Amino acid sequence: MVNCKQFISNNGAEAKLVQQDCISGMREHLIEGSVDVVVTSPPYNLGISYNGYDDTSSREDYLNWMNNWATEVRRVLSDRGSLFLNVGSKPTDPLVPFQLLEVMLRHFKLQNVIHWVKSIAIMKSEVGNYPGITQDVVVGHYKPINSKRFLNDCHEYIFHLTNHGDVSLDRLSVGVPYQDKTNVERWSSGGSGLHCRGNTWFIPYETIQSRDKERPHPATFPVALPSRCITLHGPKNVKLVMDPFLGIGSSAIACADMGINFIGFEITEDYWTESCERVERAMEL
């Protein structure tokens, strides 16, 4: 049985959330070239405890499955579209992102590699007399590990994939101010007072304040991540965003906030229900 809910926000954005396998869902609901941006994070096959999904397939089966859904994404992605693929790993299995990328390169060109930084430490002694940094700064969150061999994993990859590797981006829409204001006049592109943020994005997880409160999904990204990806691509060039692995709806909420149409697929009823509730609340706001 396929469940489907549609929402319309006050700004006219439509969100269609479908409880269905993404491969059959894309075939049923989307025509060729109809999606402008895909922002997604598939299961990593690292043994994460999802509801209703076995994350412990053999690596060969997992990569074959990746190839199958990538084939459908290639069909529905517009010629000038962007796929932002968020992939993480774990210290004992660091090759997963690169193995997935190898599969994706059968269908797409790798245009950018973005590092989603979830936690960072900046020591005052290492930056010297730097404006605004008056003491050691440690910000963000990650799942700590106890190991004598491995470092805590404080970042994940966002692979920006396109059909031909030549999609123009609105880089300054996610730009940052020049720290040294003299550079505004030195560079011909500095007139706006902003410069390219680069490929390191610090976006922290939402903090769970109570130990008694569990995350509704074990591996979801914050709403700020799809928002920044869509903004980088350029919202004026986006009529429809898709997330084939909806989870609890972060991509859908980002689109609701931005007034952009969205479609997402999720096989697990609990996550689909949670995403519907979250998107409905976002639409009301």
C-alpha atoms as a PDB file:
ATOM      1  CA  MET A   1       0.000   0.000   0.000  1.00  0.00           C
ATOM      2  CA  VAL A   2       1.305   3.443  -0.974  1.00  0.00           C
ATOM      3  CA  ASN A   3       0.498   6.347   1.339  1.00  0.00           C
ATOM      4  CA  CYS A   4       0.742   9.869  -0.031  1.00  0.00           C
ATOM      5  CA  LYS A   5       0.097  13.266   1.490  1.00  0.00           C
ATOM      6  CA  GLN A   6       0.247  16.672  -0.158  1.00  0.00           C
ATOM      7  CA  PHE A   7       0.643  19.998   1.595  1.00  0.00           C
ATOM      8  CA  ILE A   8       0.388  23.574   0.326  1.00  0.00           C
ATOM      9  CA  SER A   9       1.938  26.412   2.305  1.00  0.00           C
ATOM     10  CA  ASN A  10       0.827  30.026   2.503  1.00  0.00           C
ATOM     11  CA  ASN A  11       3.575  30.975   0.062  1.00  0.00           C
ATOM     12  CA  GLY A  12       2.201  28.539  -2.517  1.00  0.00           C
ATOM     13  CA  ALA A  13       4.838  25.842  -2.173  1.00  0.00           C
ATOM     14  CA  GLU A  14       3.584  22.286  -2.611  1.00  0.00           C
ATOM     15  CA  ALA A  15       5.079  19.265  -0.858  1.00  0.00           C
ATOM     16  CA  LYS A  16       4.235  15.713  -1.832  1.00  0.00           C
ATOM     17  CA  LEU A  17       5.383  13.042   0.614  1.00  0.00           C
ATOM     18  CA  VAL A  18       5.082   9.450  -0.565  1.00  0.00           C
ATOM     19  CA  GLN A  19       5.529   6.311   1.516  1.00  0.00           C
ATOM     20  CA  GLN A  20       7.033   4.170  -1.204  1.00  0.00           C
ATOM     21  CA  ASP A  21      10.331   2.719  -2.363  1.00  0.00           C
ATOM     22  CA  CYS A  22      12.131   5.533  -4.153  1.00  0.00           C
ATOM     23  CA  ILE A  23      12.903   3.549  -7.318  1.00  0.00           C
ATOM     24  CA  SER A  24       9.296   2.577  -7.999  1.00  0.00           C
ATOM     25  CA  GLY A  25       8.204   5.982  -6.694  1.00  0.00           C
ATOM     26  CA  MET A  26      10.349   7.914  -9.172  1.00  0.00           C
ATOM     27  CA  ARG A  27       9.108   5.723 -12.011  1.00  0.00           C
ATOM     28  CA  GLU A  28       5.485   6.256 -11.004  1.00  0.00           C
ATOM     29  CA  HIS A  29       5.458   9.929 -10.024  1.00  0.00           C
ATOM     30  CA  LEU A  30       8.167  11.700 -12.045  1.00  0.00           C
ATOM     31  CA  ILE A  31       8.735  12.226 -15.742  1.00  0.00           C
ATOM     32  CA  GLU A  32      12.139  12.526 -17.359  1.00  0.00           C
ATOM     33  CA  GLY A  33      14.025  15.726 -16.521  1.00  0.00           C
ATOM     34  CA  SER A  34      11.376  17.073 -14.138  1.00  0.00           C
ATOM     35  CA  VAL A  35      13.572  17.574 -11.034  1.00  0.00           C
ATOM     36  CA  ASP A  36      15.951  20.524 -10.713  1.00  0.00           C
ATOM     37  CA  VAL A  37      17.690  19.713  -7.416  1.00  0.00           C
ATOM     38  CA  VAL A  38      18.103  16.470  -5.497  1.00  0.00           C
ATOM     39  CA  VAL A  39      19.303  16.716  -1.900  1.00  0.00           C
ATOM     40  CA  THR A  40      19.550  13.384  -0.161  1.00  0.00           C
ATOM     41  CA  SER A  41      21.402  11.122   2.220  1.00  0.00           C
ATOM     42  CA  PRO A  42      20.924   7.400   1.523  1.00  0.00           C
ATOM     43  CA  PRO A  43      21.519   4.671   4.099  1.00  0.00           C
ATOM     44  CA  TYR A  44      25.272   4.199   4.460  1.00  0.00           C
ATOM     45  CA  ASN A  45      25.242   0.406   4.955  1.00  0.00           C
ATOM     46  CA  LEU A  46      27.120   0.832   8.220  1.00  0.00           C
ATOM     47  CA  GLY A  47      24.739  -1.075  10.468  1.00  0.00           C
ATOM     48  CA  ILE A  48      22.703   1.926  11.602  1.00  0.00           C
ATOM     49  CA  SER A  49      19.527   0.936  13.451  1.00  0.00           C
ATOM     50  CA  TYR A  50      16.804   2.250  11.158  1.00  0.00           C
ATOM     51  CA  ASN A  51      13.178   1.274  11.669  1.00  0.00           C
ATOM     52  CA  GLY A  52      12.038  -1.054   8.886  1.00  0.00           C
ATOM     53  CA  TYR A  53      15.324  -1.146   6.946  1.00  0.00           C
ATOM     54  CA  ASP A  54      18.267  -3.544   7.169  1.00  0.00           C
ATOM     55  CA  ASP A  55      21.464  -1.498   6.963  1.00  0.00           C
ATOM     56  CA  THR A  56      23.726  -4.565   6.903  1.00  0.00           C
ATOM     57  CA  SER A  57      23.612  -5.748   3.288  1.00  0.00           C
ATOM     58  CA  SER A  58      26.729  -7.125   1.654  1.00  0.00           C
ATOM     59  CA  ARG A  59      28.778  -4.312   0.151  1.00  0.00           C
ATOM     60  CA  GLU A  60      28.251  -5.752  -3.329  1.00  0.00           C
ATOM     61  CA  ASP A  61      24.464  -5.838  -2.953  1.00  0.00           C
ATOM     62  CA  TYR A  62      24.472  -2.368  -1.456  1.00  0.00           C
ATOM     63  CA  LEU A  63      26.472  -0.854  -4.309  1.00  0.00           C
ATOM     64  CA  ASN A  64      24.257  -2.577  -6.886  1.00  0.00           C
ATOM     65  CA  TRP A  65      21.229  -1.060  -5.182  1.00  0.00           C
ATOM     66  CA  MET A  66      22.933   2.343  -5.220  1.00  0.00           C
ATOM     67  CA  ASN A  67      23.420   1.970  -8.947  1.00  0.00           C
ATOM     68  CA  ASN A  68      19.720   1.162  -9.442  1.00  0.00           C
ATOM     69  CA  TRP A  69      18.411   4.271  -7.694  1.00  0.00           C
ATOM     70  CA  ALA A  70      21.136   6.449  -9.242  1.00  0.00           C
ATOM     71  CA  THR A  71      19.880   5.330 -12.661  1.00  0.00           C
ATOM     72  CA  GLU A  72      16.415   6.650 -11.826  1.00  0.00           C
ATOM     73  CA  VAL A  73      17.775   9.896 -10.404  1.00  0.00           C
ATOM     74  CA  ARG A  74      19.702  10.424 -13.641  1.00  0.00           C
ATOM     75  CA  ARG A  75      16.477   9.969 -15.590  1.00  0.00           C
ATOM     76  CA  VAL A  76      14.436  12.495 -13.594  1.00  0.00           C
ATOM     77  CA  LEU A  77      17.176  15.115 -13.065  1.00  0.00           C
ATOM     78  CA  SER A  78      16.973  18.062 -15.446  1.00  0.00           C
ATOM     79  CA  ASP A  79      19.883  18.726 -17.769  1.00  0.00           C
ATOM     80  CA  ARG A  80      21.068  21.699 -15.675  1.00  0.00           C
ATOM     81  CA  GLY A  81      20.139  20.090 -12.372  1.00  0.00           C
ATOM     82  CA  SER A  82      22.232  19.378  -9.273  1.00  0.00           C
ATOM     83  CA  LEU A  83      22.429  16.309  -7.074  1.00  0.00           C
ATOM     84  CA  PHE A  84      23.785  16.980  -3.582  1.00  0.00           C
ATOM     85  CA  LEU A  85      24.638  13.586  -2.100  1.00  0.00           C
ATOM     86  CA  ASN A  86      25.434  13.546   1.625  1.00  0.00           C
ATOM     87  CA  VAL A  87      27.483  10.496   2.603  1.00  0.00           C
ATOM     88  CA  GLY A  88      29.174   9.652   5.874  1.00  0.00           C
ATOM     89  CA  SER A  89      31.346   6.821   7.116  1.00  0.00           C
ATOM     90  CA  LYS A  90      32.671   5.410  10.351  1.00  0.00           C
ATOM     91  CA  PRO A  91      36.280   5.107  11.522  1.00  0.00           C
ATOM     92  CA  THR A  92      36.351   1.338  10.981  1.00  0.00           C
ATOM     93  CA  ASP A  93      34.895   1.651   7.469  1.00  0.00           C
ATOM     94  CA  PRO A  94      36.136   4.909   5.903  1.00  0.00           C
ATOM     95  CA  LEU A  95      35.842   3.765   2.277  1.00  0.00           C
ATOM     96  CA  VAL A  96      32.035   3.928   1.999  1.00  0.00           C
ATOM     97  CA  PRO A  97      31.818   7.501   0.601  1.00  0.00           C
ATOM     98  CA  PHE A  98      34.406   6.788  -2.066  1.00  0.00           C
ATOM     99  CA  GLN A  99      32.837   3.490  -3.084  1.00  0.00           C
ATOM    100  CA  LEU A 100      29.475   5.238  -3.430  1.00  0.00           C
ATOM    101  CA  LEU A 101      31.065   8.017  -5.431  1.00  0.00           C
ATOM    102  CA  GLU A 102      32.567   5.475  -7.820  1.00  0.00           C
ATOM    103  CA  VAL A 103      29.055   4.154  -8.488  1.00  0.00           C
ATOM    104  CA  MET A 104      27.615   7.648  -8.955  1.00  0.00           C
ATOM    105  CA  LEU A 105      30.304   8.503 -11.492  1.00  0.00           C
ATOM    106  CA  ARG A 106      28.763   5.933 -13.844  1.00  0.00           C
ATOM    107  CA  HIS A 107      25.881   8.385 -14.229  1.00  0.00           C
ATOM    108  CA  PHE A 108      27.120  11.865 -13.261  1.00  0.00           C
ATOM    109  CA  LYS A 109      30.111  14.183 -13.239  1.00  0.00           C
ATOM    110  CA  LEU A 110      31.593  15.215  -9.918  1.00  0.00           C
ATOM    111  CA  GLN A 111      31.485  19.019  -9.940  1.00  0.00           C
ATOM    112  CA  ASN A 112      32.279  19.869  -6.300  1.00  0.00           C
ATOM    113  CA  VAL A 113      33.248  18.102  -3.083  1.00  0.00           C
ATOM    114  CA  ILE A 114      31.819  19.839  -0.019  1.00  0.00           C
ATOM    115  CA  HIS A 115      32.865  18.959   3.519  1.00  0.00           C
ATOM    116  CA  TRP A 116      30.023  19.187   6.023  1.00  0.00           C
ATOM    117  CA  VAL A 117      31.822  20.016   9.267  1.00  0.00           C
ATOM    118  CA  LYS A 118      29.750  19.010  12.291  1.00  0.00           C
ATOM    119  CA  SER A 119      32.275  19.993  14.950  1.00  0.00           C
ATOM    120  CA  ILE A 120      35.420  22.088  14.910  1.00  0.00           C
ATOM    121  CA  ALA A 121      38.058  23.266  17.385  1.00  0.00           C
ATOM    122  CA  ILE A 122      39.900  26.564  16.885  1.00  0.00           C
ATOM    123  CA  MET A 123      42.678  27.235  19.352  1.00  0.00           C
ATOM    124  CA  LYS A 124      43.505  30.853  20.130  1.00  0.00           C
ATOM    125  CA  SER A 125      47.230  30.012  20.178  1.00  0.00           C
ATOM    126  CA  GLU A 126      46.999  28.706  16.605  1.00  0.00           C
ATOM    127  CA  VAL A 127      45.310  31.740  15.051  1.00  0.00           C
ATOM    128  CA  GLY A 128      47.197  34.436  16.916  1.00  0.00           C
ATOM    129  CA  ASN A 129      45.780  37.957  17.044  1.00  0.00           C
ATOM    130  CA  TYR A 130      42.747  37.184  14.902  1.00  0.00           C
ATOM    131  CA  PRO A 131      39.715  39.521  15.080  1.00  0.00           C
ATOM    132  CA  GLY A 132      36.810  38.104  17.070  1.00  0.00           C
ATOM    133  CA  ILE A 133      38.629  35.066  18.458  1.00  0.00           C
ATOM    134  CA  THR A 134      39.537  35.894  22.049  1.00  0.00           C
ATOM    135  CA  GLN A 135      39.752  32.351  23.439  1.00  0.00           C
ATOM    136  CA  ASP A 136      39.745  28.690  22.429  1.00  0.00           C
ATOM    137  CA  VAL A 137      36.577  27.809  20.513  1.00  0.00           C
ATOM    138  CA  VAL A 138      35.112  24.281  20.331  1.00  0.00           C
ATOM    139  CA  VAL A 139      31.694  24.143  18.692  1.00  0.00           C
ATOM    140  CA  GLY A 140      29.398  21.470  17.285  1.00  0.00           C
ATOM    141  CA  HIS A 141      28.519  17.885  18.112  1.00  0.00           C
ATOM    142  CA  TYR A 142      29.444  14.385  16.994  1.00  0.00           C
ATOM    143  CA  LYS A 143      29.072  10.859  18.268  1.00  0.00           C
ATOM    144  CA  PRO A 144      32.178  10.210  20.383  1.00  0.00           C
ATOM    145  CA  ILE A 145      34.131   6.990  20.153  1.00  0.00           C
ATOM    146  CA  ASN A 146      36.530   5.307  22.568  1.00  0.00           C
ATOM    147  CA  SER A 147      39.482   4.149  20.530  1.00  0.00           C
ATOM    148  CA  LYS A 148      43.271   4.112  20.596  1.00  0.00           C
ATOM    149  CA  ARG A 149      43.375   3.748  16.811  1.00  0.00           C
ATOM    150  CA  PHE A 150      40.828   6.168  15.353  1.00  0.00           C
ATOM    151  CA  LEU A 151      39.912   9.818  15.544  1.00  0.00           C
ATOM    152  CA  ASN A 152      36.362  11.016  16.171  1.00  0.00           C
ATOM    153  CA  ASP A 153      34.609  11.579  12.842  1.00  0.00           C
ATOM    154  CA  CYS A 154      33.637  15.265  12.805  1.00  0.00           C
ATOM    155  CA  HIS A 155      32.633  15.663   9.167  1.00  0.00           C
ATOM    156  CA  GLU A 156      30.735  14.098   6.273  1.00  0.00           C
ATOM    157  CA  TYR A 157      30.905  14.552   2.522  1.00  0.00           C
ATOM    158  CA  ILE A 158      28.447  16.294   0.255  1.00  0.00           C
ATOM    159  CA  PHE A 159      29.202  15.282  -3.322  1.00  0.00           C
ATOM    160  CA  HIS A 160      27.818  17.815  -5.785  1.00  0.00           C
ATOM    161  CA  LEU A 161      27.050  15.834  -8.933  1.00  0.00           C
ATOM    162  CA  THR A 162      25.715  17.130 -12.244  1.00  0.00           C
ATOM    163  CA  ASN A 163      25.056  15.691 -15.683  1.00  0.00           C
ATOM    164  CA  HIS A 164      27.991  17.371 -17.419  1.00  0.00           C
ATOM    165  CA  GLY A 165      30.014  19.066 -14.669  1.00  0.00           C
ATOM    166  CA  ASP A 166      29.264  22.578 -15.932  1.00  0.00           C
ATOM    167  CA  VAL A 167      26.253  23.857 -13.962  1.00  0.00           C
ATOM    168  CA  SER A 168      26.535  27.534 -12.975  1.00  0.00           C
ATOM    169  CA  LEU A 169      26.054  28.167  -9.254  1.00  0.00           C
ATOM    170  CA  ASP A 170      24.995  31.211  -7.243  1.00  0.00           C
ATOM    171  CA  ARG A 171      28.112  31.132  -5.090  1.00  0.00           C
ATOM    172  CA  LEU A 172      27.654  34.487  -3.377  1.00  0.00           C
ATOM    173  CA  SER A 173      24.129  33.563  -2.281  1.00  0.00           C
ATOM    174  CA  VAL A 174      25.861  31.454   0.381  1.00  0.00           C
ATOM    175  CA  GLY A 175      28.877  33.750   0.532  1.00  0.00           C
ATOM    176  CA  VAL A 176      30.540  35.131   3.651  1.00  0.00           C
ATOM    177  CA  PRO A 177      31.825  38.643   4.448  1.00  0.00           C
ATOM    178  CA  TYR A 178      35.464  39.496   3.876  1.00  0.00           C
ATOM    179  CA  GLN A 179      37.289  39.357   7.202  1.00  0.00           C
ATOM    180  CA  ASP A 180      39.835  41.823   5.840  1.00  0.00           C
ATOM    181  CA  LYS A 181      37.726  44.625   4.383  1.00  0.00           C
ATOM    182  CA  THR A 182      40.613  45.863   2.259  1.00  0.00           C
ATOM    183  CA  ASN A 183      40.057  42.818   0.054  1.00  0.00           C
ATOM    184  CA  VAL A 184      36.678  44.236  -0.997  1.00  0.00           C
ATOM    185  CA  GLU A 185      38.541  46.850  -3.044  1.00  0.00           C
ATOM    186  CA  ARG A 186      41.458  44.627  -4.045  1.00  0.00           C
ATOM    187  CA  TRP A 187      39.364  42.041  -5.891  1.00  0.00           C
ATOM    188  CA  SER A 188      37.100  42.820  -8.837  1.00  0.00           C
ATOM    189  CA  SER A 189      34.511  40.398  -7.465  1.00  0.00           C
ATOM    190  CA  GLY A 190      34.486  41.980  -4.013  1.00  0.00           C
ATOM    191  CA  GLY A 191      31.978  44.739  -4.641  1.00  0.00           C
ATOM    192  CA  SER A 192      29.205  42.997  -2.755  1.00  0.00           C
ATOM    193  CA  GLY A 193      31.360  42.632   0.346  1.00  0.00           C
ATOM    194  CA  LEU A 194      31.010  38.845   0.134  1.00  0.00           C
ATOM    195  CA  HIS A 195      33.269  36.115  -1.148  1.00  0.00           C
ATOM    196  CA  CYS A 196      32.791  32.425  -1.832  1.00  0.00           C
ATOM    197  CA  ARG A 197      32.249  30.384   1.323  1.00  0.00           C
ATOM    198  CA  GLY A 198      34.337  27.580  -0.126  1.00  0.00           C
ATOM    199  CA  ASN A 199      33.765  23.867   0.269  1.00  0.00           C
ATOM    200  CA  THR A 200      33.891  23.613   4.073  1.00  0.00           C
ATOM    201  CA  TRP A 201      30.452  24.159   5.610  1.00  0.00           C
ATOM    202  CA  PHE A 202      30.052  24.238   9.369  1.00  0.00           C
ATOM    203  CA  ILE A 203      26.473  23.141  10.114  1.00  0.00           C
ATOM    204  CA  PRO A 204      25.939  21.720  13.622  1.00  0.00           C
ATOM    205  CA  TYR A 205      23.341  19.154  14.552  1.00  0.00           C
ATOM    206  CA  GLU A 206      20.353  20.238  16.572  1.00  0.00           C
ATOM    207  CA  THR A 207      21.200  19.482  20.184  1.00  0.00           C
ATOM    208  CA  ILE A 208      19.117  16.974  22.126  1.00  0.00           C
ATOM    209  CA  GLN A 209      18.927  18.587  25.569  1.00  0.00           C
ATOM    210  CA  SER A 210      17.469  15.652  27.534  1.00  0.00           C
ATOM    211  CA  ARG A 211      19.011  12.207  27.842  1.00  0.00           C
ATOM    212  CA  ASP A 212      15.486  10.816  28.002  1.00  0.00           C
ATOM    213  CA  LYS A 213      14.625  12.238  24.592  1.00  0.00           C
ATOM    214  CA  GLU A 214      15.645  10.141  21.605  1.00  0.00           C
ATOM    215  CA  ARG A 215      16.242  11.386  18.088  1.00  0.00           C
ATOM    216  CA  PRO A 216      13.251  10.487  15.879  1.00  0.00           C
ATOM    217  CA  HIS A 217      15.709   9.308  13.196  1.00  0.00           C
ATOM    218  CA  PRO A 218      19.256   7.968  13.768  1.00  0.00           C
ATOM    219  CA  ALA A 219      20.913   9.685  10.792  1.00  0.00           C
ATOM    220  CA  THR A 220      19.144  12.814   9.594  1.00  0.00           C
ATOM    221  CA  PHE A 221      20.755  16.046   8.460  1.00  0.00           C
ATOM    222  CA  PRO A 222      19.696  19.477   9.768  1.00  0.00           C
ATOM    223  CA  VAL A 223      17.329  21.635   7.688  1.00  0.00           C
ATOM    224  CA  ALA A 224      20.129  24.157   7.153  1.00  0.00           C
ATOM    225  CA  LEU A 225      22.018  21.672   4.972  1.00  0.00           C
ATOM    226  CA  PRO A 226      19.445  21.260   2.157  1.00  0.00           C
ATOM    227  CA  SER A 227      18.634  24.977   2.432  1.00  0.00           C
ATOM    228  CA  ARG A 228      22.232  25.875   1.707  1.00  0.00           C
ATOM    229  CA  CYS A 229      22.501  23.365  -1.139  1.00  0.00           C
ATOM    230  CA  ILE A 230      19.366  24.700  -2.830  1.00  0.00           C
ATOM    231  CA  THR A 231      20.471  28.301  -2.319  1.00  0.00           C
ATOM    232  CA  LEU A 232      23.867  27.514  -3.854  1.00  0.00           C
ATOM    233  CA  HIS A 233      22.226  26.015  -6.923  1.00  0.00           C
ATOM    234  CA  GLY A 234      20.067  29.139  -7.220  1.00  0.00           C
ATOM    235  CA  PRO A 235      16.378  29.060  -6.159  1.00  0.00           C
ATOM    236  CA  LYS A 236      15.270  31.010  -9.232  1.00  0.00           C
ATOM    237  CA  ASN A 237      16.363  28.001 -11.286  1.00  0.00           C
ATOM    238  CA  VAL A 238      14.444  25.514  -9.145  1.00  0.00           C
ATOM    239  CA  LYS A 239      10.874  24.431  -9.806  1.00  0.00           C
ATOM    240  CA  LEU A 240      11.044  21.058  -8.041  1.00  0.00           C
ATOM    241  CA  VAL A 241      13.314  19.525  -5.400  1.00  0.00           C
ATOM    242  CA  MET A 242      13.385  15.801  -4.636  1.00  0.00           C
ATOM    243  CA  ASP A 243      14.690  13.704  -1.773  1.00  0.00           C
ATOM    244  CA  PRO A 244      14.451   9.957  -2.551  1.00  0.00           C
ATOM    245  CA  PHE A 245      15.311   9.153   1.092  1.00  0.00           C
ATOM    246  CA  LEU A 246      12.982  11.517   2.900  1.00  0.00           C
ATOM    247  CA  GLY A 247      13.653  10.346   6.447  1.00  0.00           C
ATOM    248  CA  ILE A 248      11.859  12.766   8.752  1.00  0.00           C
ATOM    249  CA  GLY A 249      11.554  15.496   6.148  1.00  0.00           C
ATOM    250  CA  SER A 250      14.438  17.961   6.558  1.00  0.00           C
ATOM    251  CA  SER A 251      14.635  18.618   2.802  1.00  0.00           C
ATOM    252  CA  ALA A 252      10.867  19.102   2.613  1.00  0.00           C
ATOM    253  CA  ILE A 253      10.939  21.609   5.468  1.00  0.00           C
ATOM    254  CA  ALA A 254      13.736  23.536   3.768  1.00  0.00           C
ATOM    255  CA  CYS A 255      11.641  23.781   0.606  1.00  0.00           C
ATOM    256  CA  ALA A 256       8.554  24.861   2.567  1.00  0.00           C
ATOM    257  CA  ASP A 257      10.580  27.680   4.122  1.00  0.00           C
ATOM    258  CA  MET A 258      11.912  28.728   0.703  1.00  0.00           C
ATOM    259  CA  GLY A 259       8.594  28.483  -1.177  1.00  0.00           C
ATOM    260  CA  ILE A 260       9.818  25.713  -3.496  1.00  0.00           C
ATOM    261  CA  ASN A 261       7.872  22.651  -4.627  1.00  0.00           C
ATOM    262  CA  PHE A 262       9.063  19.321  -3.251  1.00  0.00           C
ATOM    263  CA  ILE A 263       8.569  15.576  -3.609  1.00  0.00           C
ATOM    264  CA  GLY A 264      10.069  12.939  -1.333  1.00  0.00           C
ATOM    265  CA  PHE A 265       9.937   9.169  -0.842  1.00  0.00           C
ATOM    266  CA  GLU A 266      10.262   7.156   2.362  1.00  0.00           C
ATOM    267  CA  ILE A 267       9.628   3.427   2.854  1.00  0.00           C
ATOM    268  CA  THR A 268       9.360   3.379   6.655  1.00  0.00           C
ATOM    269  CA  GLU A 269       5.914   4.318   7.942  1.00  0.00           C
ATOM    270  CA  ASP A 270       7.165   5.771  11.236  1.00  0.00           C
ATOM    271  CA  TYR A 271       9.596   8.130   9.503  1.00  0.00           C
ATOM    272  CA  TRP A 272       7.046   9.038   6.809  1.00  0.00           C
ATOM    273  CA  THR A 273       4.454   9.865   9.481  1.00  0.00           C
ATOM    274  CA  GLU A 274       6.984  11.963  11.404  1.00  0.00           C
ATOM    275  CA  SER A 275       7.964  13.800   8.216  1.00  0.00           C
ATOM    276  CA  CYS A 276       4.300  14.555   7.437  1.00  0.00           C
ATOM    277  CA  GLU A 277       3.782  15.998  10.909  1.00  0.00           C
ATOM    278  CA  ARG A 278       6.943  18.108  10.719  1.00  0.00           C
ATOM    279  CA  VAL A 279       6.152  19.419   7.234  1.00  0.00           C
ATOM    280  CA  GLU A 280       2.590  20.249   8.234  1.00  0.00           C
ATOM    281  CA  ARG A 281       3.893  22.299  11.151  1.00  0.00           C
ATOM    282  CA  ALA A 282       6.395  24.033   8.878  1.00  0.00           C
ATOM    283  CA  MET A 283       3.679  24.827   6.338  1.00  0.00           C
ATOM    284  CA  GLU A 284       1.537  26.396   9.069  1.00  0.00           C
ATOM    285  CA  LEU A 285       4.426  28.711   9.942  1.00  0.00           C
END
